[in-house]
Amino acid sequence: MSPKVYSARHQGSTSHDVATGPIPSPPTDLEAVKADGDSFTFDQFTVDDAWTLGNLLRQRLTQFAHEKPTLVSIALANSQQVVFQCAVGSGTAPDNEVWVARKRRTVLRFGCSTWLMHCKFKGDEEVFRAKYGMDAAMAAGYAIHGGAVPIRVRGVEGVVAVVVVSGLKQHEDHGVIVETVKGYWQEI
């Protein structure tokens, strides 16, 4: 089955493109996650697209910033060059950077969202560690907590970028990415 491919609905982002209210919770069933929100395949993904996605996430997360400051980061997969990053709200900490790195590393190694990994292992980091033969030090470099999603491009093998949100509850970190992509990009 071919993946769903997404294209921008229109040029330029506005505050009208951003949802309000609670962030929808993603499914926990593995097949449902795989079918709708584990990764996104775009017709293209440039630094301009990263900028648009990052700013839409920033706008969406601003309404929660006074209680839950977040970090949004988008990096290219091949070089891990960060092409968008911002703190949303006062109070993000260096620990958010550590979470971003751990989540990104998980996506790059396994090629799927950290939410899928969380659901697959039911959040049990010991089972995850044992499955992949990791000692504690190695496993500490990975996070099976929602909030990192791979970006793919139609016709390109593998992950081209990783979008990460850190600072909310893990299902919200994942849910806001899915909601934002689906709100601004359309399936073609």
Foldseek 3Di string as FASTA:
>chain_A
DDAWEWDFPDPDDDLVLADADDQDFQDLDLVSCVNAQFAYAYQDDDLVNVVRLQVSLLSNCLVVQVPWKKKKWKAWLPVRHTSDIDIRHPDDDVVRVQQVQQQSVVCSVPVTFLSSLCSVVVNDLVVVCVVVVHDPVVSSSHHSFAFKHFYHYPPDPGGTMIIGMDTDHRSSNRRSSSSSRPSGIPGD
